[in-house]
Amino acid sequence: MVRPLQGDVETFEPYNMERFWTLAEHRHVYVDLRPEQAGHAMLTLLVDHDAFLAVGHRTGIEPESEET
C-alpha cells in the first residue's frame, strides 16, 4: 500500500474519481478509481524517466517499449 508522505491526504483531487499523491520530488502516484469494476482502479506512477531507466538498466531490466 502506497501512503502519502507524513500521513497527509491526497496532494489534490483532479476530478471526482481521481486521486494524486506527490511522494517526493519527481515521484508521484495517480489513481483513477473505477467503482463500476469492484476492486479495480488504474494506477499510474510518474517518475523521473531517465533515473527510472538507469535503475532498470543497472539491474538488467530493459523496457520492451517506451512511451513518453
PDB file of N, CA and C in Angstrom:
ATOM      1  N   MET A   1       0.842  -1.175   0.000  1.00  0.00           N
ATOM      2  CA  MET A   1       0.000   0.000   0.000  1.00  0.00           C
ATOM      3  C   MET A   1       0.889   1.242   0.000  1.00  0.00           C
ATOM      4  N   VAL A   2       0.634   2.155  -0.915  1.00  0.00           N
ATOM      5  CA  VAL A   2       1.393   3.397  -1.003  1.00  0.00           C
ATOM      6  C   VAL A   2       0.712   4.432  -0.121  1.00  0.00           C
ATOM      7  N   ARG A   3       1.490   5.039   0.761  1.00  0.00           N
ATOM      8  CA  ARG A   3       0.945   6.060   1.658  1.00  0.00           C
ATOM      9  C   ARG A   3       1.571   7.410   1.333  1.00  0.00           C
ATOM     10  N   PRO A   4       0.800   8.477   1.413  1.00  0.00           N
ATOM     11  CA  PRO A   4       1.371   9.805   1.199  1.00  0.00           C
ATOM     12  C   PRO A   4       2.394  10.109   2.288  1.00  0.00           C
ATOM     13  N   LEU A   5       3.332  10.983   1.999  1.00  0.00           N
ATOM     14  CA  LEU A   5       4.329  11.370   2.989  1.00  0.00           C
ATOM     15  C   LEU A   5       3.673  12.019   4.193  1.00  0.00           C
ATOM     16  N   GLN A   6       4.193  11.792   5.359  1.00  0.00           N
ATOM     17  CA  GLN A   6       3.766  12.401   6.610  1.00  0.00           C
ATOM     18  C   GLN A   6       2.289  12.167   6.898  1.00  0.00           C
ATOM     19  N   GLY A   7       1.679  11.152   6.298  1.00  0.00           N
ATOM     20  CA  GLY A   7       0.287  10.831   6.568  1.00  0.00           C
ATOM     21  C   GLY A   7      -0.707  11.809   5.992  1.00  0.00           C
ATOM     22  N   ASP A   8      -0.249  12.685   5.107  1.00  0.00           N
ATOM     23  CA  ASP A   8      -1.159  13.662   4.515  1.00  0.00           C
ATOM     24  C   ASP A   8      -2.193  12.989   3.629  1.00  0.00           C
ATOM     25  N   VAL A   9      -3.293  13.674   3.408  1.00  0.00           N
ATOM     26  CA  VAL A   9      -4.293  13.203   2.455  1.00  0.00           C
ATOM     27  C   VAL A   9      -3.755  13.438   1.054  1.00  0.00           C
ATOM     28  N   GLU A  10      -4.524  13.104   0.052  1.00  0.00           N
ATOM     29  CA  GLU A  10      -4.084  13.266  -1.326  1.00  0.00           C
ATOM     30  C   GLU A  10      -3.542  14.675  -1.542  1.00  0.00           C
ATOM     31  N   THR A  11      -2.553  14.776  -2.433  1.00  0.00           N
ATOM     32  CA  THR A  11      -1.997  16.076  -2.778  1.00  0.00           C
ATOM     33  C   THR A  11      -3.091  16.946  -3.383  1.00  0.00           C
ATOM     34  N   PHE A  12      -3.871  16.383  -4.293  1.00  0.00           N
ATOM     35  CA  PHE A  12      -5.061  17.047  -4.800  1.00  0.00           C
ATOM     36  C   PHE A  12      -5.938  16.030  -5.508  1.00  0.00           C
ATOM     37  N   GLU A  13      -7.183  16.387  -5.718  1.00  0.00           N
ATOM     38  CA  GLU A  13      -8.141  15.543  -6.416  1.00  0.00           C
ATOM     39  C   GLU A  13      -8.452  16.202  -7.753  1.00  0.00           C
ATOM     40  N   PRO A  14      -7.824  15.743  -8.852  1.00  0.00           N
ATOM     41  CA  PRO A  14      -8.057  16.379 -10.151  1.00  0.00           C
ATOM     42  C   PRO A  14      -9.529  16.367 -10.557  1.00  0.00           C
ATOM     43  N   TYR A  15     -10.184  15.249 -10.368  1.00  0.00           N
ATOM     44  CA  TYR A  15     -11.599  15.102 -10.682  1.00  0.00           C
ATOM     45  C   TYR A  15     -12.219  14.222  -9.601  1.00  0.00           C
ATOM     46  N   ASN A  16     -13.505  14.072  -9.628  1.00  0.00           N
ATOM     47  CA  ASN A  16     -14.234  13.338  -8.592  1.00  0.00           C
ATOM     48  C   ASN A  16     -13.693  11.938  -8.342  1.00  0.00           C
ATOM     49  N   MET A  17     -13.321  11.209  -9.376  1.00  0.00           N
ATOM     50  CA  MET A  17     -12.916   9.808  -9.217  1.00  0.00           C
ATOM     51  C   MET A  17     -11.413   9.616  -9.420  1.00  0.00           C
ATOM     52  N   GLU A  18     -10.623  10.651  -9.212  1.00  0.00           N
ATOM     53  CA  GLU A  18      -9.180  10.564  -9.381  1.00  0.00           C
ATOM     54  C   GLU A  18      -8.476  11.054  -8.126  1.00  0.00           C
ATOM     55  N   ARG A  19      -7.333  10.476  -7.836  1.00  0.00           N
ATOM     56  CA  ARG A  19      -6.523  10.891  -6.694  1.00  0.00           C
ATOM     57  C   ARG A  19      -5.078  11.023  -7.156  1.00  0.00           C
ATOM     58  N   PHE A  20      -4.356  11.941  -6.556  1.00  0.00           N
ATOM     59  CA  PHE A  20      -2.977  12.213  -6.956  1.00  0.00           C
ATOM     60  C   PHE A  20      -2.153  12.487  -5.709  1.00  0.00           C
ATOM     61  N   TRP A  21      -1.063  11.744  -5.531  1.00  0.00           N
ATOM     62  CA  TRP A  21      -0.164  11.949  -4.405  1.00  0.00           C
ATOM     63  C   TRP A  21       1.220  12.308  -4.923  1.00  0.00           C
ATOM     64  N   THR A  22       1.857  13.268  -4.306  1.00  0.00           N
ATOM     65  CA  THR A  22       3.261  13.549  -4.546  1.00  0.00           C
ATOM     66  C   THR A  22       4.020  12.897  -3.400  1.00  0.00           C
ATOM     67  N   LEU A  23       4.850  11.898  -3.732  1.00  0.00           N
ATOM     68  CA  LEU A  23       5.584  11.147  -2.723  1.00  0.00           C
ATOM     69  C   LEU A  23       6.923  11.792  -2.405  1.00  0.00           C
ATOM     70  N   ALA A  24       7.563  12.335  -3.428  1.00  0.00           N
ATOM     71  CA  ALA A  24       8.852  13.007  -3.290  1.00  0.00           C
ATOM     72  C   ALA A  24       9.082  13.762  -4.603  1.00  0.00           C
ATOM     73  N   GLU A  25      10.163  14.498  -4.686  1.00  0.00           N
ATOM     74  CA  GLU A  25      10.440  15.227  -5.916  1.00  0.00           C
ATOM     75  C   GLU A  25      10.513  14.263  -7.099  1.00  0.00           C
ATOM     76  N   HIS A  26       9.782  14.546  -8.146  1.00  0.00           N
ATOM     77  CA  HIS A  26       9.729  13.736  -9.373  1.00  0.00           C
ATOM     78  C   HIS A  26       9.181  12.335  -9.135  1.00  0.00           C
ATOM     79  N   ARG A  27       8.374  12.152  -8.087  1.00  0.00           N
ATOM     80  CA  ARG A  27       7.785  10.840  -7.797  1.00  0.00           C
ATOM     81  C   ARG A  27       6.331  11.045  -7.388  1.00  0.00           C
ATOM     82  N   HIS A  28       5.428  10.547  -8.222  1.00  0.00           N
ATOM     83  CA  HIS A  28       4.008  10.767  -7.998  1.00  0.00           C
ATOM     84  C   HIS A  28       3.227   9.482  -8.260  1.00  0.00           C
ATOM     85  N   VAL A  29       2.060   9.386  -7.666  1.00  0.00           N
ATOM     86  CA  VAL A  29       1.142   8.278  -7.911  1.00  0.00           C
ATOM     87  C   VAL A  29      -0.205   8.885  -8.275  1.00  0.00           C
ATOM     88  N   TYR A  30      -0.778   8.398  -9.366  1.00  0.00           N
ATOM     89  CA  TYR A  30      -2.093   8.842  -9.824  1.00  0.00           C
ATOM     90  C   TYR A  30      -2.998   7.611  -9.870  1.00  0.00           C
ATOM     91  N   VAL A  31      -4.181   7.710  -9.279  1.00  0.00           N
ATOM     92  CA  VAL A  31      -5.126   6.593  -9.267  1.00  0.00           C
ATOM     93  C   VAL A  31      -6.457   7.066  -9.841  1.00  0.00           C
ATOM     94  N   ASP A  32      -6.953   6.312 -10.811  1.00  0.00           N
ATOM     95  CA  ASP A  32      -8.269   6.552 -11.407  1.00  0.00           C
ATOM     96  C   ASP A  32      -9.199   5.489 -10.823  1.00  0.00           C
ATOM     97  N   LEU A  33     -10.072   5.904  -9.907  1.00  0.00           N
ATOM     98  CA  LEU A  33     -10.997   4.972  -9.254  1.00  0.00           C
ATOM     99  C   LEU A  33     -12.061   4.519 -10.248  1.00  0.00           C
ATOM    100  N   ARG A  34     -12.377   3.246 -10.232  1.00  0.00           N
ATOM    101  CA  ARG A  34     -13.365   2.690 -11.167  1.00  0.00           C
ATOM    102  C   ARG A  34     -14.355   1.813 -10.401  1.00  0.00           C
ATOM    103  N   PRO A  35     -15.303   2.440  -9.697  1.00  0.00           N
ATOM    104  CA  PRO A  35     -16.227   1.670  -8.858  1.00  0.00           C
ATOM    105  C   PRO A  35     -17.106   0.694  -9.640  1.00  0.00           C
ATOM    106  N   GLU A  36     -17.333   0.946 -10.913  1.00  0.00           N
ATOM    107  CA  GLU A  36     -18.150   0.024 -11.707  1.00  0.00           C
ATOM    108  C   GLU A  36     -17.437  -1.309 -11.905  1.00  0.00           C
ATOM    109  N   GLN A  37     -16.152  -1.341 -11.610  1.00  0.00           N
ATOM    110  CA  GLN A  37     -15.371  -2.567 -11.672  1.00  0.00           C
ATOM    111  C   GLN A  37     -14.829  -2.800 -10.265  1.00  0.00           C
ATOM    112  N   ALA A  38     -15.659  -3.351  -9.398  1.00  0.00           N
ATOM    113  CA  ALA A  38     -15.320  -3.506  -7.980  1.00  0.00           C
ATOM    114  C   ALA A  38     -13.913  -4.058  -7.800  1.00  0.00           C
ATOM    115  N   GLY A  39     -13.150  -3.386  -6.969  1.00  0.00           N
ATOM    116  CA  GLY A  39     -11.788  -3.815  -6.686  1.00  0.00           C
ATOM    117  C   GLY A  39     -10.785  -3.402  -7.740  1.00  0.00           C
ATOM    118  N   HIS A  40     -11.211  -2.596  -8.706  1.00  0.00           N
ATOM    119  CA  HIS A  40     -10.316  -2.221  -9.788  1.00  0.00           C
ATOM    120  C   HIS A  40     -10.070  -0.723  -9.819  1.00  0.00           C
ATOM    121  N   ALA A  41      -8.902  -0.369 -10.233  1.00  0.00           N
ATOM    122  CA  ALA A  41      -8.527   1.017 -10.456  1.00  0.00           C
ATOM    123  C   ALA A  41      -7.350   1.007 -11.416  1.00  0.00           C
ATOM    124  N   MET A  42      -7.125   2.127 -12.073  1.00  0.00           N
ATOM    125  CA  MET A  42      -5.954   2.267 -12.918  1.00  0.00           C
ATOM    126  C   MET A  42      -4.923   3.054 -12.117  1.00  0.00           C
ATOM    127  N   LEU A  43      -3.726   2.530 -12.014  1.00  0.00           N
ATOM    128  CA  LEU A  43      -2.661   3.150 -11.251  1.00  0.00           C
ATOM    129  C   LEU A  43      -1.568   3.595 -12.209  1.00  0.00           C
ATOM    130  N   THR A  44      -1.143   4.838 -12.086  1.00  0.00           N
ATOM    131  CA  THR A  44      -0.068   5.371 -12.910  1.00  0.00           C
ATOM    132  C   THR A  44       1.013   5.919 -11.999  1.00  0.00           C
ATOM    133  N   LEU A  45       2.239   5.505 -12.224  1.00  0.00           N
ATOM    134  CA  LEU A  45       3.377   6.026 -11.482  1.00  0.00           C
ATOM    135  C   LEU A  45       4.072   7.054 -12.359  1.00  0.00           C
ATOM    136  N   LEU A  46       4.323   8.220 -11.822  1.00  0.00           N
ATOM    137  CA  LEU A  46       5.032   9.258 -12.538  1.00  0.00           C
ATOM    138  C   LEU A  46       6.383   9.433 -11.869  1.00  0.00           C
ATOM    139  N   VAL A  47       7.446   9.141 -12.610  1.00  0.00           N
ATOM    140  CA  VAL A  47       8.794   9.174 -12.046  1.00  0.00           C
ATOM    141  C   VAL A  47       9.727   9.892 -13.013  1.00  0.00           C
ATOM    142  N   ASP A  48      10.914  10.179 -12.550  1.00  0.00           N
ATOM    143  CA  ASP A  48      11.948  10.745 -13.410  1.00  0.00           C
ATOM    144  C   ASP A  48      12.332   9.667 -14.427  1.00  0.00           C
ATOM    145  N   HIS A  49      12.030   9.899 -15.674  1.00  0.00           N
ATOM    146  CA  HIS A  49      12.180   8.911 -16.740  1.00  0.00           C
ATOM    147  C   HIS A  49      13.600   8.373 -16.840  1.00  0.00           C
ATOM    148  N   ASP A  50      14.589   9.256 -16.923  1.00  0.00           N
ATOM    149  CA  ASP A  50      15.974   8.821 -17.101  1.00  0.00           C
ATOM    150  C   ASP A  50      16.480   8.045 -15.885  1.00  0.00           C
ATOM    151  N   ALA A  51      16.142   8.513 -14.690  1.00  0.00           N
ATOM    152  CA  ALA A  51      16.570   7.821 -13.480  1.00  0.00           C
ATOM    153  C   ALA A  51      15.922   6.436 -13.392  1.00  0.00           C
ATOM    154  N   PHE A  52      14.659   6.345 -13.744  1.00  0.00           N
ATOM    155  CA  PHE A  52      13.945   5.070 -13.714  1.00  0.00           C
ATOM    156  C   PHE A  52      14.592   4.061 -14.672  1.00  0.00           C
ATOM    157  N   LEU A  53      14.886   4.499 -15.888  1.00  0.00           N
ATOM    158  CA  LEU A  53      15.519   3.608 -16.862  1.00  0.00           C
ATOM    159  C   LEU A  53      16.931   3.223 -16.434  1.00  0.00           C
ATOM    160  N   ALA A  54      17.664   4.151 -15.803  1.00  0.00           N
ATOM    161  CA  ALA A  54      19.023   3.854 -15.350  1.00  0.00           C
ATOM    162  C   ALA A  54      19.022   2.766 -14.284  1.00  0.00           C
ATOM    163  N   VAL A  55      18.086   2.823 -13.356  1.00  0.00           N
ATOM    164  CA  VAL A  55      17.991   1.782 -12.326  1.00  0.00           C
ATOM    165  C   VAL A  55      17.671   0.441 -12.973  1.00  0.00           C
ATOM    166  N   GLY A  56      16.737   0.430 -13.894  1.00  0.00           N
ATOM    167  CA  GLY A  56      16.407  -0.810 -14.595  1.00  0.00           C
ATOM    168  C   GLY A  56      17.599  -1.371 -15.337  1.00  0.00           C
ATOM    169  N   HIS A  57      18.322  -0.509 -16.040  1.00  0.00           N
ATOM    170  CA  HIS A  57      19.494  -0.950 -16.803  1.00  0.00           C
ATOM    171  C   HIS A  57      20.547  -1.569 -15.890  1.00  0.00           C
ATOM    172  N   ARG A  58      20.788  -0.939 -14.735  1.00  0.00           N
ATOM    173  CA  ARG A  58      21.783  -1.473 -13.785  1.00  0.00           C
ATOM    174  C   ARG A  58      21.370  -2.841 -13.249  1.00  0.00           C
ATOM    175  N   THR A  59      20.081  -3.128 -13.203  1.00  0.00           N
ATOM    176  CA  THR A  59      19.623  -4.411 -12.667  1.00  0.00           C
ATOM    177  C   THR A  59      19.283  -5.409 -13.776  1.00  0.00           C
ATOM    178  N   GLY A  60      19.591  -5.038 -15.025  1.00  0.00           N
ATOM    179  CA  GLY A  60      19.372  -5.955 -16.143  1.00  0.00           C
ATOM    180  C   GLY A  60      17.951  -5.944 -16.695  1.00  0.00           C
ATOM    181  N   ILE A  61      17.174  -4.954 -16.354  1.00  0.00           N
ATOM    182  CA  ILE A  61      15.795  -4.862 -16.851  1.00  0.00           C
ATOM    183  C   ILE A  61      15.743  -3.780 -17.920  1.00  0.00           C
ATOM    184  N   GLU A  62      15.303  -4.144 -19.102  1.00  0.00           N
ATOM    185  CA  GLU A  62      15.176  -3.195 -20.200  1.00  0.00           C
ATOM    186  C   GLU A  62      13.717  -3.105 -20.630  1.00  0.00           C
ATOM    187  N   PRO A  63      13.245  -1.925 -20.980  1.00  0.00           N
ATOM    188  CA  PRO A  63      11.852  -1.782 -21.402  1.00  0.00           C
ATOM    189  C   PRO A  63      11.597  -2.465 -22.749  1.00  0.00           C
ATOM    190  N   GLU A  64      10.441  -3.047 -22.885  1.00  0.00           N
ATOM    191  CA  GLU A  64      10.047  -3.628 -24.162  1.00  0.00           C
ATOM    192  C   GLU A  64       9.732  -2.522 -25.141  1.00  0.00           C
ATOM    193  N   SER A  65       9.121  -1.452 -24.631  1.00  0.00           N
ATOM    194  CA  SER A  65       8.835  -0.278 -25.448  1.00  0.00           C
ATOM    195  C   SER A  65       8.778   0.920 -24.507  1.00  0.00           C
ATOM    196  N   GLU A  66       8.829   2.113 -25.059  1.00  0.00           N
ATOM    197  CA  GLU A  66       8.769   3.338 -24.267  1.00  0.00           C
ATOM    198  C   GLU A  66       7.729   4.265 -24.840  1.00  0.00           C
ATOM    199  N   GLU A  67       7.036   4.945 -23.947  1.00  0.00           N
ATOM    200  CA  GLU A  67       6.080   5.969 -24.344  1.00  0.00           C
ATOM    201  C   GLU A  67       6.265   7.136 -23.386  1.00  0.00           C
ATOM    202  N   THR A  68       6.639   8.283 -23.901  1.00  0.00           N
ATOM    203  CA  THR A  68       6.841   9.442 -23.034  1.00  0.00           C
ATOM    204  C   THR A  68       5.953  10.587 -23.484  1.00  0.00           C
TER     205      THR A  68
END
